[in-house]
Structure formats: C-alpha cells, structure tokens
C-alpha atoms as a PDB file:
ATOM      1  CA  MET A   1     186.781 118.451 112.861  1.00  0.00           C
ATOM      2  CA  ASN A   2     185.798 116.418 109.868  1.00  0.00           C
ATOM      3  CA  GLU A   3     184.815 118.609 106.939  1.00  0.00           C
ATOM      4  CA  SER A   4     180.884 118.006 105.654  1.00  0.00           C
ATOM      5  CA  SER A   5     181.948 116.337 102.614  1.00  0.00           C
ATOM      6  CA  ASP A   6     182.499 113.536 104.691  1.00  0.00           C
ATOM      7  CA  VAL A   7     178.654 113.145 105.396  1.00  0.00           C
ATOM      8  CA  LYS A   8     175.911 112.593 103.107  1.00  0.00           C
ATOM      9  CA  ARG A   9     173.734 115.316 102.105  1.00  0.00           C
ATOM     10  CA  ASN A  10     170.376 113.570 103.191  1.00  0.00           C
ATOM     11  CA  GLU A  11     171.713 112.357 106.596  1.00  0.00           C
ATOM     12  CA  ALA A  12     170.203 113.613 109.938  1.00  0.00           C
ATOM     13  CA  LEU A  13     172.467 115.934 111.793  1.00  0.00           C
ATOM     14  CA  LEU A  14     172.041 116.106 115.405  1.00  0.00           C
ATOM     15  CA  SER A  15     173.195 118.552 118.135  1.00  0.00           C
ATOM     16  CA  ALA A  16     174.969 117.109 121.174  1.00  0.00           C
ATOM     17  CA  ARG A  17     172.149 117.836 123.281  1.00  0.00           C
ATOM     18  CA  GLN A  18     170.119 115.937 120.872  1.00  0.00           C
ATOM     19  CA  VAL A  19     172.287 112.884 121.049  1.00  0.00           C
ATOM     20  CA  ILE A  20     172.475 112.965 124.706  1.00  0.00           C
ATOM     21  CA  ASP A  21     168.333 113.158 124.882  1.00  0.00           C
ATOM     22  CA  ARG A  22     167.882 110.487 122.304  1.00  0.00           C
ATOM     23  CA  TRP A  23     170.262 108.053 123.851  1.00  0.00           C
ATOM     24  CA  PRO A  24     170.262 108.726 127.752  1.00  0.00           C
ATOM     25  CA  ASP A  25     171.475 105.483 128.661  1.00  0.00           C
ATOM     26  CA  ALA A  26     174.502 105.772 126.891  1.00  0.00           C
ATOM     27  CA  GLY A  27     176.205 108.035 129.405  1.00  0.00           C
ATOM     28  CA  LEU A  28     177.709 110.630 127.157  1.00  0.00           C
ATOM     29  CA  SER A  29     178.008 114.418 127.787  1.00  0.00           C
ATOM     30  CA  ARG A  30     178.351 117.221 125.338  1.00  0.00           C
ATOM     31  CA  ALA A  31     181.643 118.211 126.661  1.00  0.00           C
ATOM     32  CA  GLN A  32     182.862 114.356 125.758  1.00  0.00           C
ATOM     33  CA  LEU A  33     181.243 114.366 122.247  1.00  0.00           C
ATOM     34  CA  TRP A  34     182.741 117.744 121.301  1.00  0.00           C
ATOM     35  CA  ARG A  35     186.311 116.322 122.531  1.00  0.00           C
ATOM     36  CA  TRP A  36     185.992 113.143 120.221  1.00  0.00           C
ATOM     37  CA  ALA A  37     185.016 115.699 117.271  1.00  0.00           C
ATOM     38  CA  ARG A  38     187.893 117.659 117.875  1.00  0.00           C
ATOM     39  CA  ASP A  39     190.231 114.468 118.222  1.00  0.00           C
ATOM     40  CA  GLY A  40     188.771 113.058 115.153  1.00  0.00           C
ATOM     41  CA  LEU A  41     187.368 110.088 117.005  1.00  0.00           C
ATOM     42  CA  ILE A  42     183.981 110.657 115.588  1.00  0.00           C
ATOM     43  CA  ALA A  43     182.493 112.653 112.516  1.00  0.00           C
ATOM     44  CA  SER A  44     181.130 116.002 112.843  1.00  0.00           C
ATOM     45  CA  VAL A  45     179.944 118.719 110.993  1.00  0.00           C
ATOM     46  CA  ARG A  46     180.708 122.446 111.571  1.00  0.00           C
ATOM     47  CA  LEU A  47     178.003 124.634 110.139  1.00  0.00           C
ATOM     48  CA  PRO A  48     178.594 128.160 108.751  1.00  0.00           C
ATOM     49  CA  SER A  49     177.126 129.643 112.089  1.00  0.00           C
ATOM     50  CA  GLY A  50     180.091 127.839 114.072  1.00  0.00           C
ATOM     51  CA  ARG A  51     177.650 124.974 115.678  1.00  0.00           C
ATOM     52  CA  VAL A  52     178.743 121.589 115.487  1.00  0.00           C
ATOM     53  CA  ARG A  53     176.821 118.677 114.225  1.00  0.00           C
ATOM     54  CA  PHE A  54     176.904 114.968 114.631  1.00  0.00           C
ATOM     55  CA  PRO A  55     175.791 112.599 111.862  1.00  0.00           C
ATOM     56  CA  GLU A  56     173.340 110.332 113.375  1.00  0.00           C
ATOM     57  CA  SER A  57     174.729 107.327 111.602  1.00  0.00           C
ATOM     58  CA  GLU A  58     178.222 108.197 113.197  1.00  0.00           C
ATOM     59  CA  ILE A  59     176.470 107.995 116.860  1.00  0.00           C
ATOM     60  CA  GLU A  60     174.492 104.876 115.919  1.00  0.00           C
ATOM     61  CA  ARG A  61     177.757 103.164 114.901  1.00  0.00           C
ATOM     62  CA  MET A  62     179.742 104.616 118.183  1.00  0.00           C
ATOM     63  CA  LEU A  63     176.917 103.134 120.041  1.00  0.00           C
ATOM     64  CA  ALA A  64     176.457  99.827 118.127  1.00  0.00           C
ATOM     65  CA  PRO A  65     177.360  96.533 119.981  1.00  0.00           C
ATOM     66  CA  GLN A  66     181.107  95.367 119.266  1.00  0.00           C
ATOM     67  CA  ALA A  67     181.707  92.043 117.396  1.00  0.00           C
ATOM     68  CA  ALA A  68     181.569  89.291 120.126  1.00  0.00           C
ATOM     69  CA  PRO A  69     185.044  88.820 121.859  1.00  0.00           C
ATOM     70  CA  SER A  70     187.055  86.003 121.147  1.00  0.00           C
ATOM     71  CA  VAL A  71     187.521  82.958 123.685  1.00  0.00           C
ATOM     72  CA  GLY A  72     189.763  83.579 126.320  1.00  0.00           C
ATOM     73  CA  SER A  73     190.111  87.369 125.788  1.00  0.00           C
ATOM     74  CA  ALA A  74     189.957  89.562 128.850  1.00  0.00           C
ATOM     75  CA  ALA A  75     186.468  91.216 127.507  1.00  0.00           C
ATOM     76  CA  SER A  76     184.629  87.862 127.467  1.00  0.00           C
ATOM     77  CA  THR A  77     185.422  87.350 131.121  1.00  0.00           C
ATOM     78  CA  VAL A  78     182.960  90.455 131.928  1.00  0.00           C
ATOM     79  CA  ASP A  79     179.514  89.695 133.262  1.00  0.00           C
ATOM     80  CA  VAL A  80     176.799  91.971 132.033  1.00  0.00           C
ATOM     81  CA  PRO A  81     173.763  91.954 133.809  1.00  0.00           C
ATOM     82  CA  PRO A  82     170.656  90.586 131.918  1.00  0.00           C
ATOM     83  CA  GLY A  83     168.772  92.861 129.883  1.00  0.00           C
ATOM     84  CA  GLN A  84     171.717  95.461 129.730  1.00  0.00           C
ATOM     85  CA  ALA A  85     173.988  95.927 126.554  1.00  0.00           C
ATOM     86  CA  MET A  86     177.474  96.440 126.847  1.00  0.00           C
ATOM     87  CA  LEU A  87     178.329 100.079 125.374  1.00  0.00           C
ATOM     88  CA  SER A  88     181.397 100.934 124.251  1.00  0.00           C
ATOM     89  CA  TRP A  89     182.917 103.854 122.814  1.00  0.00           C
ATOM     90  CA  PRO A  90     186.232 105.812 123.232  1.00  0.00           C
ATOM     91  CA  GLY A  91     187.124 106.414 126.951  1.00  0.00           C
ATOM     92  CA  ALA A  92     184.072 104.672 128.067  1.00  0.00           C
ATOM     93  CA  PRO A  93     184.546 103.145 131.696  1.00  0.00           C
ATOM     94  CA  THR A  94     185.068  99.864 131.899  1.00  0.00           C
ATOM     95  CA  PRO A  95     183.000  97.956 134.094  1.00  0.00           C
ATOM     96  CA  PRO A  96     184.343  96.281 137.410  1.00  0.00           C
ATOM     97  CA  THR A  97     185.215  92.700 137.424  1.00  0.00           C
ATOM     98  CA  PRO A  98     184.025  90.453 140.211  1.00  0.00           C
ATOM     99  CA  ALA A  99     187.664  90.405 141.825  1.00  0.00           C
ATOM    100  CA  SER A 100     187.941  94.157 141.836  1.00  0.00           C
ATOM    101  CA  SER A 101     184.444  94.758 143.195  1.00  0.00           C
ATOM    102  CA  VAL A 102     185.590  93.110 146.667  1.00  0.00           C
ATOM    103  CA  GLY A 103     187.214  95.792 148.481  1.00  0.00           C
ATOM    104  CA  GLY A 104     189.603  94.638 151.407  1.00  0.00           C
ATOM    105  CA  GLU A 105     187.526  92.101 153.121  1.00  0.00           C
ATOM    106  CA  GLY A 106     189.328  89.375 154.865  1.00  0.00           C
ATOM    107  CA  SER A 107     192.223  91.292 155.335  1.00  0.00           C
END
C-alpha cells in the first residue's frame, strides 16, 4: 500500500465502508478496494492502528468519467442508457454489447 507521504495532510481519508456508502451506484466492495490498494492500483493510507483509509480524491479520480473514446474505437460502440454514466475502474465489468445480449435466438 502507498505510504501516507503520498497523501496531502488535510485531505479527507475514508474507510472502505464510507466509500461504499458515499458511492453506492459504483458497485464497489470492501474486498475490492483493499485488493486494489494492496496491488497498488489506488492510493491508500495505513494508520498506526493498522486500519486502511482511502484518500477521497483518489476515489473521485477512479470514478471520474474517462476521456471520450476516439471515433472507431471499441468503447465508442457501447450504448450507455440515457441518464446513466459509464463508470470505469480497474476490473470493472464491461456492459454487454447488443450482439452478445441476444442468446441463441434463431439457432
């Protein structure tokens, strides 16, 4: 896990439960957050008590919409329902494409 020196002193630190409660639609789990921290995919701080906290800015960065895909890329062909943002994070499930959502019809 990253050292606390990577995190600003006045930055809000959140427990895994606080992250899940604040962003319930992100589909995150505590185990997933801890695994990403262990693997160095997101910054974390280990307190002297041994508990792990996540900088709020790191979670917001992870959940922020990525730059628009270039024309012709595979990501640009995925339809996102109106009013729903496409979330992207390490290991995030990919939405089904229209071709893969049809299962065995016409066979």
